[in-house]
């Protein structure tokens, strides 16, 4: 409220200064107006006196001029063109000095009339002078009239004191009325401000006592409406917050939300039960001690917005979904731990069963292959086509069993044996295996391999993946076709690509070709000896190394497989 009074005083100080300034300006213009009016009066009196006098040197005329000067409260002076004074209504001309150099006299001799305002040496008062050149009896004279300037405001003097008293009284009355009004206004503003302060602290039912006909009522009404709206919105937000909190708390799996500085903000009871006494992501990472989890957190710190990894902690398996969430100009990290222990057990049972069956089949298949090869050498020539058919199917069955066994190993997540090896050398070794097929189909293979291309990973599995990709390219490349193989390091990744000019892959099948046993043309696949597991094996191997595989293809224009592997040091 003190601030309001300060503003009030400032306004009235400015108002008072404005009044003083207005009075000053008004007095200036009033003075100009009355000076002009007085000058016109002197001119009029001068004109009338000149018309009634005849001889300037007539003594009776002098007495008349003195009477006229007294009646009109003016001073009359008659001056020769030489400056000598021959008559003055207030002084003896003989005692007065020559007036030739007086401003109004000089102007009259030059222009016919003249005016000036100055202090009279004879009377000692400030005078307004008007002089006019006249000719009487062939002689030139200057007829001058003058009056005291103070006399010009003789009609103001009686009202001067009254004006000052009245103005001061009115100012005090206005000031008092405005002060009391402003004080009342300030109290209401103070009440309004207090209510707003209470509302800002959460007291949305704060009372505002302002009458309906008050000038501040519309503001008070809008404040009440705003308070009600904020109250409703706050209750809605609180209700939604409680709902989300209850949902989060009762989710049947561990969930935690961490700040960008890795401190925990919210966690549900399943997280607290599974990971007790964990207060930040670093503690959680140290507790889990899983390389994939460390890498996932690093990826979320960079440009990645979501990650999905699987970890084993104690006797449980979790699929962890990590997401970035924007909240109030901050980036939060949401981690959801889905318990997949039972799924893993089921998968292990399936993998064990598949591996056991495949392993049991491998021995009789090997025996059958041996017998068929022996039979092929000893059988009659006419019956050899039948043996070749048997051999082709046994080979396909053997390849299928080998692929199933390898997939079982990959599914079991057996730790891979990493080492640093020459990636380009492994590509060339894989190509050497298919020299016969390449020559038979007259395929032109172009390689663009970066020199000294080293990679840290499981060389055996990478070799198997390359064999599958090269084998596919050769199978689907037509006679006299082309295959392009490239490998290079780019940024923090090793990129391998293989491109053929075969029939290509239709768009609708490109998302399914990495599924197990999926083939686009089953009859062609059987004819080429494919098992439908090659690309699935490649994908598993690539993902075990933290990489990804993609395909670019248009039907009828060949296919290009791209493998991206992260580069890491031993």
Protein backbone atom coordinates (compact mmCIF):
# COMPACT_ATOMS: atom_id res chain seq x y z
CA UNK A 1 0.00 0.00 0.00
CA UNK A 2 2.98 2.31 0.63
CA UNK A 3 3.88 2.01 -3.03
CA UNK A 4 0.36 3.11 -4.00
CA UNK A 5 0.70 6.24 -1.82
CA UNK A 6 4.05 6.98 -3.42
CA UNK A 7 2.42 6.81 -6.85
CA UNK A 8 -0.36 9.08 -5.59
CA UNK A 9 2.14 11.73 -4.40
CA UNK A 10 4.04 11.53 -7.68
CA UNK A 11 0.83 12.07 -9.65
CA UNK A 12 -0.18 15.08 -7.57
CA UNK A 13 3.28 16.63 -7.62
CA UNK A 14 3.15 16.41 -11.39
CA UNK A 15 -0.40 17.84 -11.29
CA UNK A 16 0.75 20.79 -9.14
CA UNK A 17 3.73 21.47 -11.43
CA UNK A 18 1.30 21.36 -14.36
CA UNK A 19 -0.94 23.98 -12.74
CA UNK A 20 2.02 26.31 -12.04
CA UNK A 21 3.22 25.90 -15.62
CA UNK A 22 -0.29 26.59 -16.94
CA UNK A 23 -0.55 29.76 -14.82
CA UNK A 24 2.83 30.92 -16.12
CA UNK A 25 1.88 30.31 -19.75
CA UNK A 26 -1.51 31.94 -19.21
CA UNK A 27 0.05 35.05 -17.63
CA UNK A 28 2.44 35.31 -20.56
CA UNK A 29 -0.38 35.31 -23.10
CA UNK A 30 -2.51 37.61 -20.93
CA UNK A 31 0.38 40.09 -20.82
CA UNK A 32 0.71 39.97 -24.60
CA UNK A 33 -3.02 40.46 -25.04
CA UNK A 34 -3.20 43.44 -22.66
CA UNK A 35 -0.05 45.04 -24.07
CA UNK A 36 -1.63 44.89 -27.49
CA UNK A 37 -4.91 46.22 -26.08
CA UNK A 38 -3.07 49.11 -24.32
CA UNK A 39 -1.13 49.94 -27.47
CA UNK A 40 -4.37 50.10 -29.45
CA UNK A 41 -5.81 52.35 -26.72
CA UNK A 42 -2.78 54.69 -26.98
CA UNK A 43 -3.11 54.75 -30.75
CA UNK A 44 -6.82 55.59 -30.51
CA UNK A 45 -6.24 58.35 -27.91
CA UNK A 46 -3.36 59.77 -29.96
CA UNK A 47 -5.49 59.89 -33.10
CA UNK A 48 -8.38 61.66 -31.33
CA UNK A 49 -6.11 64.21 -29.60
CA UNK A 50 -4.29 65.05 -32.85
CA UNK A 51 -7.65 65.69 -34.50
CA UNK A 52 -8.76 68.24 -31.85
CA UNK A 53 -5.57 70.25 -31.40
CA UNK A 54 -4.67 73.00 -33.76
CA UNK A 55 -1.50 74.80 -32.73
CA UNK A 56 1.13 72.93 -30.78
CA UNK A 57 2.64 76.07 -29.29
CA UNK A 58 -0.65 77.52 -28.00
CA UNK A 59 -0.49 77.59 -24.17
CA UNK A 60 -4.20 76.93 -23.85
CA UNK A 61 -3.72 73.82 -25.96
CA UNK A 62 -1.02 72.76 -23.52
CA UNK A 63 -3.45 73.00 -20.62
CA UNK A 64 -5.98 70.95 -22.65
CA UNK A 65 -3.37 68.30 -23.34
CA UNK A 66 -2.51 68.08 -19.60
CA UNK A 67 -6.20 67.65 -18.79
CA UNK A 68 -6.56 64.96 -21.46
CA UNK A 69 -3.45 63.18 -20.14
CA UNK A 70 -4.83 63.23 -16.61
CA UNK A 71 -8.29 62.09 -17.68
CA UNK A 72 -6.88 59.14 -19.73
CA UNK A 73 -4.11 58.33 -17.18
CA UNK A 74 -1.43 58.74 -19.82
CA UNK A 75 1.59 60.92 -20.45
CA UNK A 76 1.70 63.17 -23.54
CA UNK A 77 4.95 64.47 -25.00
CA UNK A 78 5.44 66.65 -28.14
CA UNK A 79 8.91 66.56 -29.74
CA UNK A 80 10.39 68.51 -32.60
CA UNK A 81 12.07 66.62 -35.47
CA UNK A 82 15.36 67.81 -33.97
CA UNK A 83 14.63 65.90 -30.73
CA UNK A 84 13.88 68.99 -28.66
CA UNK A 85 10.88 68.60 -26.35
CA UNK A 86 8.33 71.42 -26.52
CA UNK A 87 5.66 69.85 -24.29
CA UNK A 88 5.34 67.12 -21.65
CA UNK A 89 2.27 66.56 -19.51
CA UNK A 90 4.27 65.34 -16.46
CA UNK A 91 7.59 67.29 -16.56
CA UNK A 92 9.09 70.62 -17.49
CA UNK A 93 10.40 70.33 -21.07
CA UNK A 94 13.36 72.54 -20.26
CA UNK A 95 14.70 70.03 -17.78
CA UNK A 96 14.38 67.09 -20.19
CA UNK A 97 17.16 65.92 -22.45
CA UNK A 98 17.02 65.63 -26.25
CA UNK A 99 14.87 62.66 -27.37
CA UNK A 100 16.13 62.29 -30.92
CA UNK A 101 17.80 58.97 -30.07
CA UNK A 102 14.79 57.51 -28.30
CA UNK A 103 13.72 54.25 -30.00
CA UNK A 104 10.11 55.21 -30.66
CA UNK A 105 11.15 58.72 -31.88
CA UNK A 106 13.70 57.36 -34.33
CA UNK A 107 11.13 54.87 -35.69
CA UNK A 108 8.51 57.64 -36.10
CA UNK A 109 10.90 59.87 -38.07
CA UNK A 110 11.76 56.93 -40.29
CA UNK A 111 8.46 54.98 -40.64
CA UNK A 112 5.80 57.48 -39.45
CA UNK A 113 5.14 55.78 -36.10
CA UNK A 114 6.98 53.77 -33.47
CA UNK A 115 6.57 51.87 -30.20
CA UNK A 116 8.83 50.78 -27.35
CA UNK A 117 8.75 49.54 -23.77
CA UNK A 118 11.40 50.82 -21.34
CA UNK A 119 12.10 52.43 -18.00
CA UNK A 120 11.40 56.17 -18.08
CA UNK A 121 14.42 58.24 -16.93
CA UNK A 122 12.10 61.09 -15.93
CA UNK A 123 9.41 59.16 -14.04
CA UNK A 124 11.47 56.12 -13.06
CA UNK A 125 8.70 53.64 -14.06
CA UNK A 126 8.36 51.09 -16.84
CA UNK A 127 6.37 52.68 -19.69
CA UNK A 128 4.74 51.72 -22.97
CA UNK A 129 5.48 54.40 -25.58
CA UNK A 130 3.63 55.15 -28.83
CA UNK A 131 4.77 58.02 -31.11
CA UNK A 132 3.45 59.31 -34.40
CA UNK A 133 4.97 61.81 -36.85
CA UNK A 134 2.61 64.72 -37.60
CA UNK A 135 2.83 67.90 -39.64
CA UNK A 136 1.28 71.14 -38.36
CA UNK A 137 1.76 74.52 -40.01
CA UNK A 138 4.38 72.97 -42.34
CA UNK A 139 6.42 71.82 -39.38
CA UNK A 140 7.23 68.21 -38.42
CA UNK A 141 6.58 67.05 -34.88
CA UNK A 142 6.54 63.75 -33.00
CA UNK A 143 3.38 63.31 -30.94
CA UNK A 144 4.06 60.70 -28.22
CA UNK A 145 1.72 59.10 -25.72
CA UNK A 146 2.75 56.66 -23.00
CA UNK A 147 1.33 54.83 -20.04
CA UNK A 148 2.67 52.80 -17.12
CA UNK A 149 2.69 49.06 -17.81
CA UNK A 150 1.55 48.32 -14.24
CA UNK A 151 -1.54 50.32 -15.01
CA UNK A 152 -2.36 47.92 -17.82
CA UNK A 153 -3.23 45.29 -15.19
CA UNK A 154 -5.10 47.64 -12.84
CA UNK A 155 -8.28 45.58 -13.29
CA UNK A 156 -6.45 42.34 -12.22
CA UNK A 157 -5.00 43.67 -8.96
CA UNK A 158 -8.28 43.61 -6.97
CA UNK A 159 -8.71 39.93 -7.80
CA UNK A 160 -5.10 38.82 -7.39
CA UNK A 161 -5.30 37.82 -3.73
CA UNK A 162 -8.74 36.31 -4.20
CA UNK A 163 -7.45 34.29 -7.17
CA UNK A 164 -4.50 32.94 -5.19
CA UNK A 165 -6.66 32.08 -2.15
CA UNK A 166 -9.39 30.51 -4.29
CA UNK A 167 -6.89 28.50 -6.37
CA UNK A 168 -5.09 27.27 -3.27
CA UNK A 169 -8.38 26.33 -1.57
CA UNK A 170 -9.63 24.50 -4.63
CA UNK A 171 -6.32 22.67 -4.95
CA UNK A 172 -6.46 21.59 -1.28
CA UNK A 173 -10.09 20.46 -1.65
CA UNK A 174 -9.32 18.53 -4.83
CA UNK A 175 -6.18 17.10 -3.24
CA UNK A 176 -8.10 16.00 -0.11
CA UNK A 177 -10.97 14.46 -2.07
CA UNK A 178 -8.56 12.67 -4.39
CA UNK A 179 -6.46 11.52 -1.43
CA UNK A 180 -9.44 9.98 0.37
CA UNK A 181 -10.69 8.41 -2.86
CA UNK A 182 -7.25 7.12 -3.66
CA UNK A 183 -6.79 5.78 -0.11
CA UNK A 184 -10.08 3.88 -0.41
CA UNK A 185 -9.01 2.67 -3.85
CA UNK A 186 -5.62 1.63 -2.43
CA UNK A 187 -7.31 -0.37 0.35
CA UNK A 188 -9.39 -2.23 -2.23
CA UNK A 189 -6.32 -2.83 -4.37
CA UNK A 190 -4.50 -4.06 -1.28
CA UNK A 191 -7.39 -6.43 -0.54
CA UNK A 192 -7.38 -7.62 -4.16
CA UNK A 193 -3.60 -8.10 -4.10
CA UNK A 194 -3.85 -10.04 -0.82
CA UNK A 195 -6.51 -12.32 -2.32
CA UNK A 196 -4.37 -12.94 -5.40
CA UNK A 197 -1.41 -13.79 -3.14
CA UNK A 198 -3.58 -16.30 -1.24
CA UNK A 199 -4.74 -17.83 -4.54
CA UNK A 200 -1.13 -18.15 -5.72
CA UNK A 201 -0.42 -20.14 -2.51
CA UNK A 202 -3.27 -22.56 -3.22
CA UNK A 203 -6.12 -20.94 -1.25
CA UNK A 204 -8.55 -20.77 -4.18
CA UNK A 205 -11.50 -19.86 -1.92
CA UNK A 206 -9.95 -16.55 -0.75
CA UNK A 207 -12.68 -13.88 -0.35
CA UNK A 208 -12.62 -10.59 -2.30
CA UNK A 209 -14.92 -7.98 -0.69
CA UNK A 210 -15.61 -5.54 -3.52
CA UNK A 211 -19.14 -4.25 -4.23
CA UNK A 212 -20.82 -4.83 -7.58
CA UNK A 213 -20.93 -1.10 -8.48
CA UNK A 214 -17.23 -0.59 -7.73
CA UNK A 215 -14.83 0.18 -10.59
CA UNK A 216 -12.66 -2.76 -9.48
CA UNK A 217 -15.56 -5.24 -9.52
CA UNK A 218 -14.89 -6.55 -13.09
CA UNK A 219 -11.26 -7.25 -12.13
CA UNK A 220 -12.32 -8.95 -8.89
CA UNK A 221 -14.89 -11.01 -10.80
CA UNK A 222 -12.29 -12.15 -13.34
CA UNK A 223 -9.88 -13.01 -10.51
CA UNK A 224 -12.58 -15.21 -8.92
CA UNK A 225 -13.28 -16.89 -12.28
CA UNK A 226 -9.55 -17.45 -12.78
CA UNK A 227 -9.22 -18.87 -9.24
CA UNK A 228 -12.09 -21.27 -9.91
CA UNK A 229 -10.54 -22.35 -13.22
CA UNK A 230 -7.14 -22.89 -11.59
CA UNK A 231 -8.79 -24.80 -8.74
CA UNK A 232 -10.63 -27.06 -11.20
CA UNK A 233 -7.50 -27.57 -13.29
CA UNK A 234 -5.41 -28.29 -10.19
CA UNK A 235 -7.92 -30.85 -8.97
CA UNK A 236 -7.98 -32.49 -12.42
CA UNK A 237 -4.18 -32.60 -12.53
CA UNK A 238 -4.07 -33.97 -8.98
CA UNK A 239 -6.66 -36.60 -9.89
CA UNK A 240 -4.77 -37.59 -13.04
CA UNK A 241 -1.52 -37.67 -11.10
CA UNK A 242 -3.05 -39.98 -8.51
CA UNK A 243 -4.48 -42.17 -11.27
CA UNK A 244 -1.13 -42.41 -13.08
CA UNK A 245 0.64 -43.01 -9.77
CA UNK A 246 -1.76 -45.85 -8.94
CA UNK A 247 -1.38 -47.34 -12.40
CA UNK A 248 2.41 -47.09 -12.21
CA UNK A 249 2.50 -48.49 -8.67
CA UNK A 250 0.36 -51.49 -9.61
CA UNK A 251 1.97 -52.40 -12.93
CA UNK A 252 2.91 -56.10 -12.64
CA UNK A 253 6.55 -55.48 -13.53
CA UNK A 254 9.35 -53.13 -12.36
CA UNK A 255 9.18 -49.58 -13.76
CA UNK A 256 11.41 -46.61 -12.95
CA UNK A 257 11.62 -43.02 -14.22
CA UNK A 258 15.01 -41.31 -13.90
CA UNK A 259 16.05 -37.68 -14.32
CA UNK A 260 18.57 -36.74 -17.02
CA UNK A 261 21.20 -36.64 -14.25
CA UNK A 262 20.37 -40.36 -13.67
CA UNK A 263 18.74 -39.78 -10.25
CA UNK A 264 15.55 -41.82 -9.67
CA UNK A 265 12.34 -39.76 -9.68
CA UNK A 266 9.60 -42.40 -9.53
CA UNK A 267 9.65 -46.17 -9.12
CA UNK A 268 6.90 -48.68 -8.44
CA UNK A 269 6.81 -51.30 -5.71
CA UNK A 270 7.92 -54.12 -8.02
CA UNK A 271 11.07 -52.16 -8.83
CA UNK A 272 11.72 -51.48 -5.14
CA UNK A 273 11.23 -55.18 -4.37
CA UNK A 274 13.46 -56.33 -7.23
CA UNK A 275 16.19 -53.68 -6.83
CA UNK A 276 16.13 -52.45 -3.20
CA UNK A 277 18.14 -49.39 -2.10
CA UNK A 278 18.85 -48.27 -5.69
CA UNK A 279 18.78 -44.46 -5.98
CA UNK A 280 20.24 -43.77 -9.44
CA UNK A 281 20.92 -45.43 -12.79
CA UNK A 282 24.65 -45.85 -12.05
CA UNK A 283 23.83 -47.90 -8.95
CA UNK A 284 21.37 -49.96 -10.99
CA UNK A 285 23.99 -50.61 -13.70
CA UNK A 286 26.59 -51.62 -11.10
CA UNK A 287 24.06 -53.96 -9.50
CA UNK A 288 23.03 -55.64 -12.78
CA UNK A 289 26.59 -55.73 -14.20
CA UNK A 290 25.50 -56.40 -17.79
CA UNK A 291 27.38 -54.96 -20.77
CA UNK A 292 24.19 -54.62 -22.83
CA UNK A 293 22.60 -52.51 -20.08
CA UNK A 294 25.64 -50.20 -19.95
CA UNK A 295 25.52 -49.80 -23.75
CA UNK A 296 21.76 -49.14 -23.71
CA UNK A 297 22.16 -46.29 -21.19
CA UNK A 298 24.95 -44.80 -23.33
CA UNK A 299 22.70 -44.96 -26.41
CA UNK A 300 19.90 -43.16 -24.52
CA UNK A 301 22.41 -40.48 -23.52
CA UNK A 302 23.08 -39.88 -27.21
CA UNK A 303 20.60 -39.58 -30.06
CA UNK A 304 18.58 -42.77 -29.45
CA UNK A 305 15.02 -42.29 -28.15
CA UNK A 306 14.27 -45.93 -27.34
CA UNK A 307 16.18 -49.18 -26.85
CA UNK A 308 15.25 -52.78 -26.09
CA UNK A 309 17.64 -55.28 -24.54
CA UNK A 310 17.49 -58.58 -22.68
CA UNK A 311 19.46 -59.23 -19.50
CA UNK A 312 19.84 -62.01 -16.98
CA UNK A 313 19.96 -60.98 -13.34
CA UNK A 314 20.23 -63.59 -10.66
CA UNK A 315 17.85 -66.37 -11.74
CA UNK A 316 15.56 -64.14 -13.79
CA UNK A 317 15.51 -62.85 -17.34
CA UNK A 318 14.26 -59.34 -18.14
CA UNK A 319 13.40 -57.63 -21.40
CA UNK A 320 14.23 -53.97 -20.71
CA UNK A 321 12.52 -51.19 -22.70
CA UNK A 322 14.24 -47.82 -22.40
CA UNK A 323 12.50 -44.64 -23.63
CA UNK A 324 13.22 -40.93 -23.54
CA UNK A 325 10.33 -38.81 -22.21
CA UNK A 326 10.12 -35.01 -22.43
CA UNK A 327 8.73 -33.30 -19.32
CA UNK A 328 8.87 -29.57 -18.44
CA UNK A 329 11.91 -28.87 -20.65
CA UNK A 330 13.69 -31.88 -19.18
CA UNK A 331 14.47 -35.27 -20.70
CA UNK A 332 13.52 -38.21 -18.50
CA UNK A 333 14.45 -41.87 -18.94
CA UNK A 334 11.71 -44.49 -18.57
CA UNK A 335 12.90 -48.06 -17.92
CA UNK A 336 10.44 -50.98 -17.96
CA UNK A 337 11.61 -54.44 -16.83
CA UNK A 338 9.43 -57.19 -18.34
CA UNK A 339 10.00 -60.58 -16.67
CA UNK A 340 10.53 -63.10 -19.49
CA UNK A 341 11.92 -65.88 -17.34
CA UNK A 342 9.10 -68.31 -18.23
CA UNK A 343 9.37 -67.43 -21.92
CA UNK A 344 13.10 -68.11 -21.78
CA UNK A 345 12.49 -71.45 -20.07
CA UNK A 346 10.03 -72.42 -22.79
CA UNK A 347 12.42 -71.30 -25.51
CA UNK A 348 15.22 -73.27 -23.89
CA UNK A 349 13.05 -76.38 -23.77
CA UNK A 350 12.22 -75.95 -27.45
CA UNK A 351 15.85 -75.28 -28.33
CA UNK A 352 17.02 -78.28 -26.30
CA UNK A 353 14.44 -80.50 -27.94
CA UNK A 354 15.36 -79.24 -31.42
CA UNK A 355 19.06 -79.62 -30.70
CA UNK A 356 18.63 -83.12 -29.31
CA UNK A 357 16.50 -84.26 -32.26
CA UNK A 358 18.92 -82.65 -34.74
CA UNK A 359 21.87 -84.21 -32.97
CA UNK A 360 20.19 -87.62 -33.01
CA UNK A 361 19.47 -87.23 -36.72
CA UNK A 362 22.97 -86.12 -37.60
CA UNK A 363 24.54 -89.58 -37.02
CA UNK A 364 22.13 -91.63 -39.18
CA UNK A 365 22.24 -88.94 -41.88
CA UNK A 366 26.03 -89.14 -41.92
CA UNK A 367 25.79 -92.95 -42.22
CA UNK A 368 23.23 -92.66 -45.03
CA UNK A 369 25.50 -90.21 -46.88
CA UNK A 370 28.36 -92.67 -46.65
CA UNK A 371 26.28 -95.57 -47.94
CA UNK A 372 24.85 -93.52 -50.81
CA UNK A 373 28.32 -92.36 -51.88
CA UNK A 374 29.48 -96.02 -51.85
CA UNK A 375 26.35 -97.09 -53.70
CA UNK A 376 26.90 -94.39 -56.32
CA UNK A 377 30.28 -95.87 -57.19
CA UNK A 378 29.09 -99.47 -57.50
CA UNK A 379 25.60 -99.15 -58.97
CA UNK A 380 24.76 -99.55 -62.63
CA UNK A 381 24.90 -96.44 -64.77
CA UNK A 382 21.19 -96.60 -65.56
CA UNK A 383 20.28 -96.39 -61.87
CA UNK A 384 22.67 -93.54 -60.93
CA UNK A 385 20.04 -90.76 -61.45
CA UNK A 386 17.99 -92.29 -58.63
CA UNK A 387 21.05 -92.28 -56.38
CA UNK A 388 21.76 -88.62 -57.26
CA UNK A 389 18.23 -87.70 -56.23
CA UNK A 390 18.72 -89.48 -52.92
CA UNK A 391 22.09 -87.79 -52.43
CA UNK A 392 20.61 -84.32 -53.11
CA UNK A 393 17.87 -84.82 -50.52
CA UNK A 394 20.30 -86.29 -47.98
CA UNK A 395 22.59 -83.25 -48.50
CA UNK A 396 19.62 -80.91 -48.01
CA UNK A 397 18.59 -82.80 -44.86
CA UNK A 398 22.18 -82.64 -43.60
CA UNK A 399 22.35 -78.87 -44.23
CA UNK A 400 19.01 -78.43 -42.46
CA UNK A 401 20.23 -80.31 -39.41
CA UNK A 402 23.47 -78.28 -39.34
CA UNK A 403 21.52 -75.02 -39.56
CA UNK A 404 19.11 -76.09 -36.82
CA UNK A 405 22.02 -77.01 -34.54
CA UNK A 406 23.68 -73.64 -35.18
CA UNK A 407 20.40 -71.82 -34.49
CA UNK A 408 19.98 -73.77 -31.27
CA UNK A 409 23.43 -72.62 -30.18
CA UNK A 410 22.59 -69.03 -31.05
CA UNK A 411 19.24 -69.21 -29.25
CA UNK A 412 20.96 -70.54 -26.16
CA UNK A 413 22.91 -67.27 -26.00
CA UNK A 414 26.16 -69.14 -25.51
CA UNK A 415 28.87 -66.52 -24.82
CA UNK A 416 30.65 -65.71 -28.05
CA UNK A 417 34.42 -66.00 -28.26
CA UNK A 418 35.69 -62.61 -29.40
CA UNK A 419 39.05 -61.94 -30.96
CA UNK A 420 40.58 -59.37 -33.29
CA UNK A 421 40.74 -60.70 -36.88
CA UNK A 422 41.12 -59.57 -40.47
CA UNK A 423 37.56 -58.99 -41.72
CA UNK A 424 38.62 -58.61 -45.34
CA UNK A 425 40.59 -61.88 -45.11
CA UNK A 426 37.50 -63.77 -43.86
CA UNK A 427 35.44 -62.38 -46.79
CA UNK A 428 38.04 -63.68 -49.26
CA UNK A 429 38.17 -67.08 -47.47
CA UNK A 430 34.39 -67.38 -47.71
CA UNK A 431 34.55 -66.57 -51.43
CA UNK A 432 37.16 -69.28 -51.97
CA UNK A 433 34.65 -71.92 -50.78
CA UNK A 434 32.37 -71.02 -53.69
CA UNK A 435 34.99 -70.85 -56.46
CA UNK A 436 33.47 -73.82 -58.30
CA UNK A 437 29.92 -72.39 -58.27
CA UNK A 438 31.22 -68.95 -59.33
CA UNK A 439 33.14 -70.45 -62.28
CA UNK A 440 30.26 -72.72 -63.32
CA UNK A 441 27.86 -69.75 -63.54
CA UNK A 442 30.55 -67.40 -64.93
CA UNK A 443 29.72 -64.82 -62.25
CA UNK A 444 31.82 -61.67 -62.11
CA UNK A 445 32.59 -60.85 -58.46
CA UNK A 446 33.79 -57.31 -57.69
CA UNK A 447 35.24 -56.63 -54.25
CA UNK A 448 35.92 -53.24 -52.67
CA UNK A 449 37.52 -53.94 -49.32
CA UNK A 450 39.20 -51.40 -47.07
CA UNK A 451 42.83 -52.19 -46.33
CA UNK A 452 43.82 -53.41 -42.86
CA UNK A 453 40.15 -53.87 -41.95
CA UNK A 454 40.28 -55.31 -38.41
CA UNK A 455 37.28 -56.35 -36.32
CA UNK A 456 36.84 -57.58 -32.75
CA UNK A 457 34.24 -60.37 -32.63
CA UNK A 458 33.58 -64.09 -33.01
CA UNK A 459 35.40 -64.97 -36.24
CA UNK A 460 33.67 -68.37 -36.58
CA UNK A 461 30.16 -66.92 -36.38
CA UNK A 462 31.02 -63.98 -38.66
CA UNK A 463 32.45 -66.50 -41.14
CA UNK A 464 29.17 -68.50 -41.01
CA UNK A 465 27.15 -65.34 -41.63
CA UNK A 466 29.32 -64.39 -44.63
CA UNK A 467 29.01 -67.91 -46.08
CA UNK A 468 25.21 -67.72 -45.89
CA UNK A 469 25.07 -64.26 -47.52
CA UNK A 470 27.54 -65.18 -50.30
CA UNK A 471 25.78 -68.51 -50.88
CA UNK A 472 22.41 -66.75 -51.27
CA UNK A 473 23.89 -64.21 -53.70
CA UNK A 474 25.42 -66.96 -55.87
CA UNK A 475 22.21 -69.05 -55.81
CA UNK A 476 20.02 -66.19 -57.04
CA UNK A 477 22.48 -64.57 -59.46
CA UNK A 478 21.78 -65.67 -63.07
CA UNK A 479 24.33 -67.10 -65.48
CA UNK A 480 26.99 -64.49 -66.40
CA UNK A 481 25.67 -62.26 -63.58
CA UNK A 482 27.45 -59.80 -61.26
CA UNK A 483 28.06 -59.71 -57.51
CA UNK A 484 29.46 -56.64 -55.71
CA UNK A 485 30.97 -56.95 -52.23
CA UNK A 486 32.07 -53.94 -50.14
CA UNK A 487 33.46 -53.60 -46.62
CA UNK A 488 34.66 -50.44 -44.85
CA UNK A 489 34.74 -48.64 -41.53
CA UNK A 490 32.48 -45.59 -41.28
CA UNK A 491 32.22 -43.48 -38.13
CA UNK A 492 32.07 -46.09 -35.31
CA UNK A 493 30.74 -48.98 -37.41
CA UNK A 494 31.96 -51.62 -39.83
CA UNK A 495 29.67 -51.80 -42.85
CA UNK A 496 29.55 -54.89 -45.09
CA UNK A 497 27.30 -55.11 -48.15
CA UNK A 498 26.74 -57.72 -50.87
CA UNK A 499 24.71 -56.97 -54.00
CA UNK A 500 23.52 -59.34 -56.75
CA UNK A 501 21.53 -58.85 -59.95
CA UNK A 502 19.12 -61.71 -59.37
CA UNK A 503 15.31 -61.65 -59.35
CA UNK A 504 15.12 -59.37 -56.32
CA UNK A 505 12.68 -59.46 -53.39
CA UNK A 506 9.12 -58.06 -53.57
CA UNK A 507 8.40 -55.29 -51.07
CA UNK A 508 5.73 -57.28 -49.24
CA UNK A 509 8.23 -60.04 -48.38
CA UNK A 510 11.22 -57.92 -47.31
CA UNK A 511 10.16 -57.82 -43.63
CA UNK A 512 9.66 -61.61 -43.52
CA UNK A 513 12.76 -63.00 -45.21
CA UNK A 514 14.66 -63.12 -41.90
CA UNK A 515 12.01 -65.39 -40.33
CA UNK A 516 12.82 -69.08 -39.89
CA UNK A 517 11.84 -71.39 -42.76
CA UNK A 518 10.37 -68.49 -44.75
CA UNK A 519 11.00 -68.79 -48.51
CA UNK A 520 9.44 -66.76 -51.30
CA UNK A 521 9.44 -69.54 -53.92
CA UNK A 522 9.42 -72.95 -52.18
CA UNK A 523 9.92 -74.99 -55.35
CA UNK A 524 12.93 -72.87 -56.38
CA UNK A 525 14.32 -73.09 -52.84
CA UNK A 526 14.12 -76.90 -52.83
CA UNK A 527 15.70 -76.98 -56.26
CA UNK A 528 18.62 -74.82 -55.03
CA UNK A 529 19.01 -76.80 -51.81
CA UNK A 530 17.94 -74.00 -49.46
CA UNK A 531 16.74 -74.66 -45.90
CA UNK A 532 14.99 -71.34 -45.21
CA UNK A 533 17.22 -70.75 -42.18
CA UNK A 534 20.23 -69.00 -43.72
CA UNK A 535 19.07 -65.37 -43.31
CA UNK A 536 17.66 -66.10 -39.84
CA UNK A 537 21.09 -67.40 -38.82
CA UNK A 538 22.75 -64.28 -40.27
CA UNK A 539 20.40 -62.00 -38.34
CA UNK A 540 21.07 -63.86 -35.07
CA UNK A 541 24.84 -63.62 -35.53
CA UNK A 542 24.72 -59.93 -36.41
CA UNK A 543 22.49 -59.12 -33.41
CA UNK A 544 24.76 -61.11 -31.09
CA UNK A 545 27.49 -58.65 -32.10
CA UNK A 546 25.17 -55.66 -31.42
CA UNK A 547 24.66 -54.94 -35.12
CA UNK A 548 21.77 -54.92 -37.57
CA UNK A 549 21.02 -56.20 -41.07
CA UNK A 550 18.80 -54.65 -43.73
CA UNK A 551 17.89 -55.28 -47.35
CA UNK A 552 17.40 -52.95 -50.31
CA UNK A 553 15.66 -54.48 -53.31
CA UNK A 554 13.26 -53.97 -56.17
CA UNK A 555 11.58 -56.97 -57.70
CA UNK A 556 13.41 -57.95 -60.89
CA UNK A 557 16.45 -55.71 -60.13
CA UNK A 558 18.48 -57.77 -57.67
CA UNK A 559 18.98 -57.37 -53.92
CA UNK A 560 21.51 -55.70 -51.63
CA UNK A 561 22.07 -56.88 -48.05
CA UNK A 562 23.75 -54.42 -45.67
CA UNK A 563 25.30 -55.50 -42.36
CA UNK A 564 26.26 -52.80 -39.82
CA UNK A 565 28.46 -53.91 -36.90
CA UNK A 566 29.55 -51.62 -34.05
CA UNK A 567 33.31 -51.30 -33.72
CA UNK A 568 34.66 -51.95 -30.22
CA UNK A 569 38.11 -52.52 -28.78
CA UNK A 570 39.22 -55.62 -26.89
